């Protein structure tokens, strides 16, 4: 019974995280300055996981990487976020990311899919055992010439452990 309860809480937390990321992406893409002031000093993002740090890492300057080496770059623990751009639409980068996670030992795709109606924003949450969760956001420019990829790794110990993070 406990396992079913933990899985339900995990799905709830990941759903909240995906909704937050989708909201962040919409706010950041509407107009040159977004809908909100770019300052993060007075933000009151609250959630089970440290949502403020996730959005800051997605919005900040991640360590340059590629679809071939991003998992290796994140593995050391010193890097919180990686990113890269690719030519064209988001289909090929998403396929490369999913293939990399599929081929890695101990990873589970928890949730993935389009985060907008136009198909220009895709996201996923991937769990690595009980140690980490990767939040992946892939966005494409309106003209489909360039795709931006961001991967943020959250470690359980930095979020208060799985028991606290899952409620």
N, C-alpha and C. Protein backbone atom coordinates (compact mmCIF):
# COMPACT_ATOMS: atom_id res chain seq x y z
N UNK A 1 0.81 -1.20 0.00
CA UNK A 1 0.00 0.00 0.00
C UNK A 1 0.85 1.27 0.00
N UNK A 2 1.92 1.26 0.77
CA UNK A 2 2.76 2.46 0.87
C UNK A 2 3.35 2.82 -0.48
N UNK A 3 3.72 1.82 -1.27
CA UNK A 3 4.32 2.08 -2.58
C UNK A 3 3.35 2.83 -3.49
N UNK A 4 2.11 2.47 -3.46
CA UNK A 4 1.10 3.13 -4.28
C UNK A 4 0.93 4.58 -3.83
N UNK A 5 0.98 4.80 -2.54
CA UNK A 5 0.85 6.16 -2.00
C UNK A 5 2.04 7.04 -2.42
N UNK A 6 3.25 6.49 -2.34
CA UNK A 6 4.43 7.25 -2.75
C UNK A 6 4.39 7.57 -4.24
N UNK A 7 3.94 6.62 -5.04
CA UNK A 7 3.86 6.85 -6.49
C UNK A 7 2.84 7.95 -6.80
N UNK A 8 1.73 7.95 -6.09
CA UNK A 8 0.71 8.98 -6.33
C UNK A 8 1.24 10.35 -5.94
N UNK A 9 1.94 10.42 -4.82
CA UNK A 9 2.52 11.71 -4.41
C UNK A 9 3.60 12.16 -5.39
N UNK A 10 4.40 11.24 -5.87
CA UNK A 10 5.45 11.59 -6.83
C UNK A 10 4.84 12.14 -8.11
N UNK A 11 3.77 11.52 -8.59
CA UNK A 11 3.12 12.00 -9.80
C UNK A 11 2.52 13.38 -9.57
N UNK A 12 1.97 13.62 -8.38
CA UNK A 12 1.42 14.94 -8.07
C UNK A 12 2.49 16.01 -8.07
N UNK A 13 3.63 15.71 -7.45
CA UNK A 13 4.74 16.66 -7.40
C UNK A 13 5.27 16.92 -8.80
N UNK A 14 5.45 15.88 -9.60
CA UNK A 14 5.97 16.06 -10.95
C UNK A 14 4.97 16.81 -11.83
N UNK A 15 3.68 16.58 -11.62
CA UNK A 15 2.66 17.33 -12.35
C UNK A 15 2.74 18.82 -12.02
N UNK A 16 2.90 19.13 -10.73
CA UNK A 16 3.05 20.51 -10.29
C UNK A 16 4.30 21.13 -10.90
N UNK A 17 5.38 20.37 -10.93
CA UNK A 17 6.63 20.86 -11.50
C UNK A 17 6.48 21.13 -13.00
N UNK A 18 5.83 20.23 -13.73
CA UNK A 18 5.62 20.43 -15.16
C UNK A 18 4.72 21.63 -15.43
N UNK A 19 3.69 21.80 -14.61
CA UNK A 19 2.81 22.96 -14.77
C UNK A 19 3.57 24.25 -14.51
N UNK A 20 4.45 24.24 -13.53
CA UNK A 20 5.26 25.43 -13.22
C UNK A 20 6.19 25.74 -14.38
N UNK A 21 6.81 24.72 -14.94
CA UNK A 21 7.72 24.93 -16.07
C UNK A 21 6.95 25.46 -17.28
N UNK A 22 5.77 24.93 -17.53
CA UNK A 22 4.96 25.41 -18.66
C UNK A 22 4.59 26.87 -18.44
N UNK A 23 4.18 27.22 -17.23
CA UNK A 23 3.84 28.60 -16.93
C UNK A 23 5.06 29.50 -17.12
N UNK A 24 6.22 29.06 -16.64
CA UNK A 24 7.47 29.82 -16.79
C UNK A 24 7.76 30.06 -18.27
N UNK A 25 7.59 29.02 -19.08
CA UNK A 25 7.90 29.15 -20.51
C UNK A 25 6.97 30.14 -21.19
N UNK A 26 5.70 30.11 -20.83
CA UNK A 26 4.74 31.05 -21.42
C UNK A 26 5.09 32.48 -21.01
N UNK A 27 5.38 32.68 -19.75
CA UNK A 27 5.71 34.02 -19.26
C UNK A 27 6.97 34.54 -19.93
N UNK A 28 7.95 33.70 -20.12
CA UNK A 28 9.22 34.12 -20.72
C UNK A 28 9.13 34.36 -22.22
N UNK A 29 8.15 33.77 -22.89
CA UNK A 29 8.10 33.92 -24.34
C UNK A 29 7.12 34.98 -24.81
N UNK A 30 6.35 35.56 -23.92
CA UNK A 30 5.38 36.59 -24.31
C UNK A 30 6.07 37.95 -24.25
N UNK A 31 6.35 38.53 -25.38
CA UNK A 31 6.96 39.85 -25.44
C UNK A 31 8.44 39.82 -25.09
N UNK A 32 9.12 40.95 -25.32
CA UNK A 32 10.56 41.00 -25.10
C UNK A 32 10.95 40.85 -23.64
N UNK A 33 10.15 41.33 -22.73
CA UNK A 33 10.51 41.23 -21.32
C UNK A 33 9.65 40.25 -20.57
N UNK A 34 8.81 39.48 -21.25
CA UNK A 34 7.90 38.59 -20.57
C UNK A 34 6.77 39.38 -19.93
N UNK A 35 5.99 38.71 -19.13
CA UNK A 35 4.87 39.36 -18.46
C UNK A 35 5.26 39.89 -17.09
N UNK A 36 6.39 39.45 -16.58
CA UNK A 36 6.80 39.86 -15.24
C UNK A 36 8.17 40.49 -15.31
N UNK A 37 8.50 41.23 -14.28
CA UNK A 37 9.82 41.81 -14.15
C UNK A 37 10.84 40.67 -14.08
N UNK A 38 11.97 40.82 -14.74
CA UNK A 38 12.98 39.77 -14.77
C UNK A 38 13.64 39.57 -13.41
N UNK A 39 13.48 40.50 -12.50
CA UNK A 39 14.08 40.38 -11.18
C UNK A 39 13.47 39.20 -10.43
N UNK A 40 14.31 38.42 -9.77
CA UNK A 40 13.83 37.29 -8.99
C UNK A 40 13.92 37.56 -7.50
N UNK A 41 14.28 38.77 -7.09
CA UNK A 41 14.47 39.06 -5.68
C UNK A 41 13.20 38.94 -4.86
N UNK A 42 12.07 39.35 -5.42
CA UNK A 42 10.84 39.36 -4.65
C UNK A 42 9.85 38.27 -5.07
N UNK A 43 10.34 37.28 -5.80
CA UNK A 43 9.45 36.19 -6.21
C UNK A 43 9.06 35.34 -5.02
N UNK A 44 7.87 34.84 -5.07
CA UNK A 44 7.38 34.01 -3.98
C UNK A 44 6.97 32.63 -4.49
N UNK A 45 7.74 32.10 -5.45
CA UNK A 45 7.44 30.76 -5.93
C UNK A 45 7.50 29.81 -4.74
N UNK A 46 6.50 29.00 -4.60
CA UNK A 46 6.48 28.05 -3.49
C UNK A 46 6.00 26.72 -4.01
N UNK A 47 6.52 25.67 -3.46
CA UNK A 47 6.10 24.34 -3.85
C UNK A 47 6.84 23.33 -3.02
N UNK A 48 6.55 22.08 -3.25
CA UNK A 48 7.21 21.04 -2.49
C UNK A 48 8.69 21.02 -2.82
N UNK A 49 9.01 21.06 -4.12
CA UNK A 49 10.40 21.18 -4.53
C UNK A 49 10.74 22.66 -4.63
N UNK A 50 12.01 22.97 -4.65
CA UNK A 50 12.44 24.36 -4.72
C UNK A 50 12.24 24.88 -6.14
N UNK A 51 11.01 25.29 -6.45
CA UNK A 51 10.64 25.72 -7.80
C UNK A 51 11.44 26.93 -8.23
N UNK A 52 11.75 27.82 -7.31
CA UNK A 52 12.52 29.00 -7.66
C UNK A 52 13.87 28.62 -8.24
N UNK A 53 14.55 27.66 -7.64
CA UNK A 53 15.85 27.27 -8.16
C UNK A 53 15.73 26.60 -9.52
N UNK A 54 14.66 25.84 -9.75
CA UNK A 54 14.47 25.20 -11.06
C UNK A 54 14.29 26.25 -12.13
N UNK A 55 13.40 27.22 -11.90
CA UNK A 55 13.16 28.23 -12.92
C UNK A 55 14.40 29.10 -13.12
N UNK A 56 15.13 29.40 -12.07
CA UNK A 56 16.36 30.17 -12.21
C UNK A 56 17.39 29.41 -13.04
N UNK A 57 17.51 28.10 -12.82
CA UNK A 57 18.46 27.30 -13.58
C UNK A 57 18.03 27.16 -15.04
N UNK A 58 16.73 27.02 -15.28
CA UNK A 58 16.25 26.94 -16.65
C UNK A 58 16.46 28.25 -17.39
N UNK A 59 16.33 29.35 -16.67
CA UNK A 59 16.42 30.67 -17.27
C UNK A 59 17.84 31.20 -17.32
N UNK A 60 18.71 30.66 -16.51
CA UNK A 60 20.08 31.16 -16.40
C UNK A 60 20.98 30.69 -17.53
N UNK A 61 22.26 30.71 -17.26
CA UNK A 61 23.27 30.28 -18.23
C UNK A 61 23.77 28.89 -17.85
N UNK A 62 23.23 27.86 -18.46
CA UNK A 62 23.67 26.51 -18.14
C UNK A 62 25.04 26.23 -18.75
N UNK A 63 25.67 25.18 -18.27
CA UNK A 63 26.95 24.75 -18.84
C UNK A 63 26.69 24.23 -20.25
N UNK A 64 27.48 24.68 -21.22
CA UNK A 64 27.31 24.18 -22.59
C UNK A 64 27.50 22.67 -22.66
N UNK A 65 26.68 22.02 -23.43
CA UNK A 65 26.73 20.57 -23.56
C UNK A 65 26.20 20.17 -24.92
N UNK A 66 25.83 18.92 -25.08
CA UNK A 66 25.24 18.43 -26.33
C UNK A 66 24.42 17.18 -26.03
N UNK A 67 23.66 16.73 -27.00
CA UNK A 67 22.84 15.55 -26.80
C UNK A 67 23.68 14.30 -26.60
N UNK A 68 24.94 14.33 -27.04
CA UNK A 68 25.82 13.17 -26.90
C UNK A 68 26.45 13.07 -25.51
N UNK A 69 26.61 14.20 -24.83
CA UNK A 69 27.37 14.16 -23.58
C UNK A 69 26.66 14.77 -22.37
N UNK A 70 25.41 15.20 -22.49
CA UNK A 70 24.77 15.91 -21.39
C UNK A 70 24.65 15.05 -20.13
N UNK A 71 24.39 13.76 -20.27
CA UNK A 71 24.29 12.91 -19.08
C UNK A 71 25.64 12.79 -18.37
N UNK A 72 26.72 12.69 -19.13
CA UNK A 72 28.05 12.67 -18.52
C UNK A 72 28.36 13.98 -17.82
N UNK A 73 27.96 15.10 -18.43
CA UNK A 73 28.21 16.41 -17.82
C UNK A 73 27.47 16.56 -16.50
N UNK A 74 26.27 16.01 -16.41
CA UNK A 74 25.47 16.12 -15.19
C UNK A 74 25.87 15.10 -14.12
N UNK A 75 26.56 14.06 -14.50
CA UNK A 75 26.86 12.95 -13.60
C UNK A 75 27.76 13.33 -12.43
N UNK A 76 28.69 14.24 -12.62
CA UNK A 76 29.64 14.57 -11.57
C UNK A 76 29.03 15.23 -10.35
N UNK A 77 27.90 15.88 -10.50
CA UNK A 77 27.27 16.54 -9.38
C UNK A 77 27.64 18.00 -9.24
N UNK A 78 28.69 18.45 -9.94
CA UNK A 78 29.10 19.85 -9.86
C UNK A 78 28.25 20.74 -10.76
N UNK A 79 27.59 20.16 -11.73
CA UNK A 79 26.80 20.91 -12.70
C UNK A 79 25.33 20.72 -12.38
N UNK A 80 24.60 21.83 -12.28
CA UNK A 80 23.17 21.77 -12.00
C UNK A 80 22.33 21.80 -13.27
N UNK A 81 22.84 22.45 -14.31
CA UNK A 81 22.07 22.60 -15.54
C UNK A 81 23.00 22.62 -16.74
N UNK A 82 22.53 21.99 -17.82
CA UNK A 82 23.26 22.02 -19.08
C UNK A 82 22.30 22.48 -20.16
N UNK A 83 22.86 22.95 -21.25
CA UNK A 83 22.03 23.40 -22.35
C UNK A 83 22.79 23.46 -23.65
N UNK A 84 22.05 23.46 -24.72
CA UNK A 84 22.64 23.58 -26.06
C UNK A 84 21.54 23.97 -27.03
N UNK A 85 21.96 24.36 -28.22
CA UNK A 85 21.01 24.65 -29.29
C UNK A 85 21.31 23.71 -30.45
N UNK A 86 20.28 23.44 -31.21
CA UNK A 86 20.42 22.59 -32.39
C UNK A 86 19.65 23.24 -33.52
N UNK A 87 20.09 22.98 -34.73
CA UNK A 87 19.38 23.51 -35.89
C UNK A 87 18.10 22.73 -36.12
N UNK A 88 17.10 23.40 -36.64
CA UNK A 88 15.85 22.73 -37.01
C UNK A 88 14.84 22.69 -35.89
N UNK A 89 13.80 21.86 -36.12
CA UNK A 89 12.72 21.76 -35.15
C UNK A 89 13.12 20.86 -33.98
N UNK A 90 12.18 20.63 -33.06
CA UNK A 90 12.54 19.94 -31.83
C UNK A 90 12.45 18.42 -31.90
N UNK A 91 12.00 17.86 -32.98
CA UNK A 91 11.80 16.41 -33.06
C UNK A 91 13.12 15.66 -32.87
N UNK A 92 14.14 16.00 -33.60
CA UNK A 92 15.41 15.27 -33.50
C UNK A 92 16.08 15.44 -32.13
N UNK A 93 16.17 16.67 -31.58
CA UNK A 93 16.74 16.79 -30.23
C UNK A 93 15.96 15.98 -29.18
N UNK A 94 14.63 15.97 -29.26
CA UNK A 94 13.83 15.20 -28.31
C UNK A 94 14.12 13.71 -28.46
N UNK A 95 14.20 13.23 -29.69
CA UNK A 95 14.53 11.82 -29.92
C UNK A 95 15.89 11.47 -29.34
N UNK A 96 16.89 12.36 -29.53
CA UNK A 96 18.23 12.13 -29.00
C UNK A 96 18.22 12.07 -27.47
N UNK A 97 17.46 12.96 -26.85
CA UNK A 97 17.38 13.00 -25.39
C UNK A 97 16.73 11.73 -24.86
N UNK A 98 15.60 11.34 -25.44
CA UNK A 98 14.92 10.14 -24.99
C UNK A 98 15.77 8.89 -25.20
N UNK A 99 16.52 8.84 -26.29
CA UNK A 99 17.41 7.71 -26.54
C UNK A 99 18.52 7.65 -25.50
N UNK A 100 19.08 8.80 -25.16
CA UNK A 100 20.16 8.85 -24.15
C UNK A 100 19.66 8.35 -22.81
N UNK A 101 18.47 8.78 -22.38
CA UNK A 101 17.92 8.30 -21.11
C UNK A 101 17.57 6.82 -21.18
N UNK A 102 17.02 6.37 -22.31
CA UNK A 102 16.67 4.96 -22.46
C UNK A 102 17.91 4.08 -22.32
N UNK A 103 19.03 4.52 -22.90
CA UNK A 103 20.25 3.74 -22.88
C UNK A 103 21.01 3.83 -21.56
N UNK A 104 20.68 4.80 -20.72
CA UNK A 104 21.35 4.95 -19.43
C UNK A 104 20.75 3.97 -18.42
N UNK A 105 21.59 3.41 -17.56
CA UNK A 105 21.11 2.47 -16.54
C UNK A 105 20.38 3.20 -15.42
N UNK A 106 19.29 2.62 -14.98
CA UNK A 106 18.59 3.11 -13.80
C UNK A 106 17.74 4.35 -13.99
N UNK A 107 17.43 4.72 -15.21
CA UNK A 107 16.60 5.91 -15.44
C UNK A 107 15.17 5.49 -15.79
N UNK A 108 14.23 6.32 -15.35
CA UNK A 108 12.82 6.07 -15.64
C UNK A 108 12.19 7.35 -16.14
N UNK A 109 11.58 7.30 -17.30
CA UNK A 109 10.84 8.44 -17.81
C UNK A 109 9.54 8.51 -17.04
N UNK A 110 9.36 9.57 -16.26
CA UNK A 110 8.19 9.70 -15.41
C UNK A 110 7.04 10.35 -16.18
N UNK A 111 7.34 11.44 -16.88
CA UNK A 111 6.33 12.14 -17.64
C UNK A 111 7.01 12.89 -18.77
N UNK A 112 6.34 12.97 -19.92
CA UNK A 112 6.88 13.75 -21.03
C UNK A 112 5.73 14.14 -21.95
N UNK A 113 5.96 15.20 -22.71
CA UNK A 113 4.96 15.60 -23.68
C UNK A 113 5.06 17.07 -24.03
N UNK A 114 4.21 17.47 -24.96
CA UNK A 114 4.18 18.87 -25.38
C UNK A 114 3.54 19.71 -24.28
N UNK A 115 4.08 20.91 -24.09
CA UNK A 115 3.60 21.81 -23.06
C UNK A 115 2.83 22.99 -23.64
N UNK A 116 2.65 23.00 -24.95
CA UNK A 116 1.86 24.06 -25.59
C UNK A 116 1.04 23.46 -26.72
N UNK A 117 0.14 24.24 -27.25
CA UNK A 117 -0.74 23.75 -28.30
C UNK A 117 -0.10 23.76 -29.68
N UNK A 118 0.91 24.57 -29.89
CA UNK A 118 1.56 24.67 -31.19
C UNK A 118 2.62 23.61 -31.42
N UNK A 119 3.06 22.93 -30.38
CA UNK A 119 4.12 21.94 -30.52
C UNK A 119 5.50 22.56 -30.53
N UNK A 120 5.64 23.75 -29.94
CA UNK A 120 6.94 24.43 -29.89
C UNK A 120 7.64 24.28 -28.55
N UNK A 121 7.02 23.58 -27.61
CA UNK A 121 7.58 23.44 -26.27
C UNK A 121 7.31 22.03 -25.79
N UNK A 122 8.37 21.32 -25.40
CA UNK A 122 8.26 19.94 -24.94
C UNK A 122 8.99 19.83 -23.63
N UNK A 123 8.49 19.01 -22.74
CA UNK A 123 9.14 18.84 -21.45
C UNK A 123 9.06 17.41 -20.97
N UNK A 124 9.95 17.09 -20.03
CA UNK A 124 9.97 15.75 -19.46
C UNK A 124 10.57 15.80 -18.06
N UNK A 125 10.21 14.81 -17.28
CA UNK A 125 10.84 14.57 -15.98
C UNK A 125 11.34 13.14 -16.01
N UNK A 126 12.62 12.97 -15.70
CA UNK A 126 13.26 11.65 -15.73
C UNK A 126 13.87 11.40 -14.36
N UNK A 127 13.57 10.24 -13.81
CA UNK A 127 14.07 9.90 -12.48
C UNK A 127 15.26 8.96 -12.60
N UNK A 128 16.29 9.25 -11.85
CA UNK A 128 17.48 8.40 -11.80
C UNK A 128 17.56 7.69 -10.47
N UNK A 129 16.90 6.57 -10.35
CA UNK A 129 16.86 5.83 -9.09
C UNK A 129 16.23 6.68 -8.00
N UNK A 130 16.87 6.70 -6.85
CA UNK A 130 16.38 7.54 -5.75
C UNK A 130 17.30 8.73 -5.52
N UNK A 131 18.21 8.98 -6.48
CA UNK A 131 19.22 10.02 -6.30
C UNK A 131 18.85 11.36 -6.91
N UNK A 132 18.23 11.36 -8.09
CA UNK A 132 18.00 12.62 -8.79
C UNK A 132 16.79 12.55 -9.71
N UNK A 133 16.35 13.74 -10.10
CA UNK A 133 15.32 13.91 -11.13
C UNK A 133 15.83 14.97 -12.09
N UNK A 134 15.76 14.68 -13.38
CA UNK A 134 16.11 15.66 -14.40
C UNK A 134 14.83 16.27 -14.96
N UNK A 135 14.82 17.58 -15.06
CA UNK A 135 13.74 18.31 -15.71
C UNK A 135 14.28 18.78 -17.05
N UNK A 136 13.63 18.39 -18.12
CA UNK A 136 14.07 18.69 -19.48
C UNK A 136 13.05 19.61 -20.13
N UNK A 137 13.53 20.70 -20.73
CA UNK A 137 12.66 21.60 -21.49
C UNK A 137 13.31 21.84 -22.84
N UNK A 138 12.55 21.59 -23.91
CA UNK A 138 13.02 21.80 -25.27
C UNK A 138 12.05 22.78 -25.93
N UNK A 139 12.58 23.89 -26.44
CA UNK A 139 11.73 24.88 -27.09
C UNK A 139 12.31 25.21 -28.47
N UNK A 140 11.40 25.51 -29.38
CA UNK A 140 11.81 25.81 -30.75
C UNK A 140 11.34 27.22 -31.09
N UNK A 141 12.14 27.90 -31.90
CA UNK A 141 11.77 29.23 -32.37
C UNK A 141 10.58 29.10 -33.33
N UNK A 142 9.83 30.18 -33.46
CA UNK A 142 8.65 30.17 -34.32
C UNK A 142 8.97 29.74 -35.75
N UNK A 143 10.15 30.11 -36.26
CA UNK A 143 10.50 29.75 -37.64
C UNK A 143 11.11 28.35 -37.74
N UNK A 144 11.22 27.65 -36.63
CA UNK A 144 11.74 26.27 -36.57
C UNK A 144 13.16 26.14 -37.09
N UNK A 145 13.93 27.21 -37.01
CA UNK A 145 15.32 27.14 -37.44
C UNK A 145 16.26 26.69 -36.33
N UNK A 146 15.87 26.95 -35.08
CA UNK A 146 16.74 26.64 -33.96
C UNK A 146 15.93 26.10 -32.79
N UNK A 147 16.49 25.11 -32.12
CA UNK A 147 15.87 24.51 -30.95
C UNK A 147 16.80 24.70 -29.76
N UNK A 148 16.21 25.08 -28.64
CA UNK A 148 16.95 25.31 -27.40
C UNK A 148 16.62 24.19 -26.42
N UNK A 149 17.65 23.56 -25.86
CA UNK A 149 17.48 22.46 -24.92
C UNK A 149 18.07 22.87 -23.58
N UNK A 150 17.33 22.61 -22.49
CA UNK A 150 17.81 22.84 -21.13
C UNK A 150 17.49 21.61 -20.30
N UNK A 151 18.47 21.14 -19.53
CA UNK A 151 18.28 20.02 -18.62
C UNK A 151 18.77 20.45 -17.25
N UNK A 152 17.90 20.34 -16.26
CA UNK A 152 18.24 20.69 -14.88
C UNK A 152 18.18 19.43 -14.04
N UNK A 153 19.22 19.18 -13.26
CA UNK A 153 19.23 18.01 -12.37
C UNK A 153 18.98 18.44 -10.94
N UNK A 154 17.97 17.83 -10.34
CA UNK A 154 17.64 18.06 -8.93
C UNK A 154 18.06 16.82 -8.15
N UNK A 155 18.83 17.03 -7.09
CA UNK A 155 19.28 15.92 -6.25
C UNK A 155 18.38 15.83 -5.03
N UNK A 156 18.05 14.61 -4.64
CA UNK A 156 17.13 14.40 -3.52
C UNK A 156 17.66 15.02 -2.24
N UNK A 157 18.96 14.91 -1.98
CA UNK A 157 19.50 15.46 -0.73
C UNK A 157 19.42 16.97 -0.68
N UNK A 158 19.43 17.65 -1.83
CA UNK A 158 19.32 19.11 -1.85
C UNK A 158 17.87 19.57 -1.70
N UNK A 159 16.92 18.66 -1.89
CA UNK A 159 15.50 18.99 -1.76
C UNK A 159 14.92 18.45 -0.46
N UNK A 160 15.78 18.06 0.47
CA UNK A 160 15.31 17.55 1.76
C UNK A 160 15.04 16.06 1.75
N UNK A 161 15.50 15.35 0.74
CA UNK A 161 15.26 13.91 0.64
C UNK A 161 13.93 13.62 0.01
N UNK A 162 13.74 12.38 -0.43
CA UNK A 162 12.51 12.01 -1.13
C UNK A 162 11.29 12.08 -0.22
N UNK A 163 11.46 11.68 1.05
CA UNK A 163 10.30 11.70 1.95
C UNK A 163 9.75 13.09 2.12
N UNK A 164 10.63 14.07 2.32
CA UNK A 164 10.17 15.45 2.48
C UNK A 164 9.67 16.02 1.16
N UNK A 165 10.36 15.71 0.06
CA UNK A 165 9.96 16.25 -1.23
C UNK A 165 8.61 15.70 -1.68
N UNK A 166 8.30 14.48 -1.31
CA UNK A 166 7.06 13.86 -1.73
C UNK A 166 5.93 14.11 -0.74
N UNK A 167 6.16 14.92 0.26
CA UNK A 167 5.07 15.27 1.19
C UNK A 167 5.12 14.41 2.37
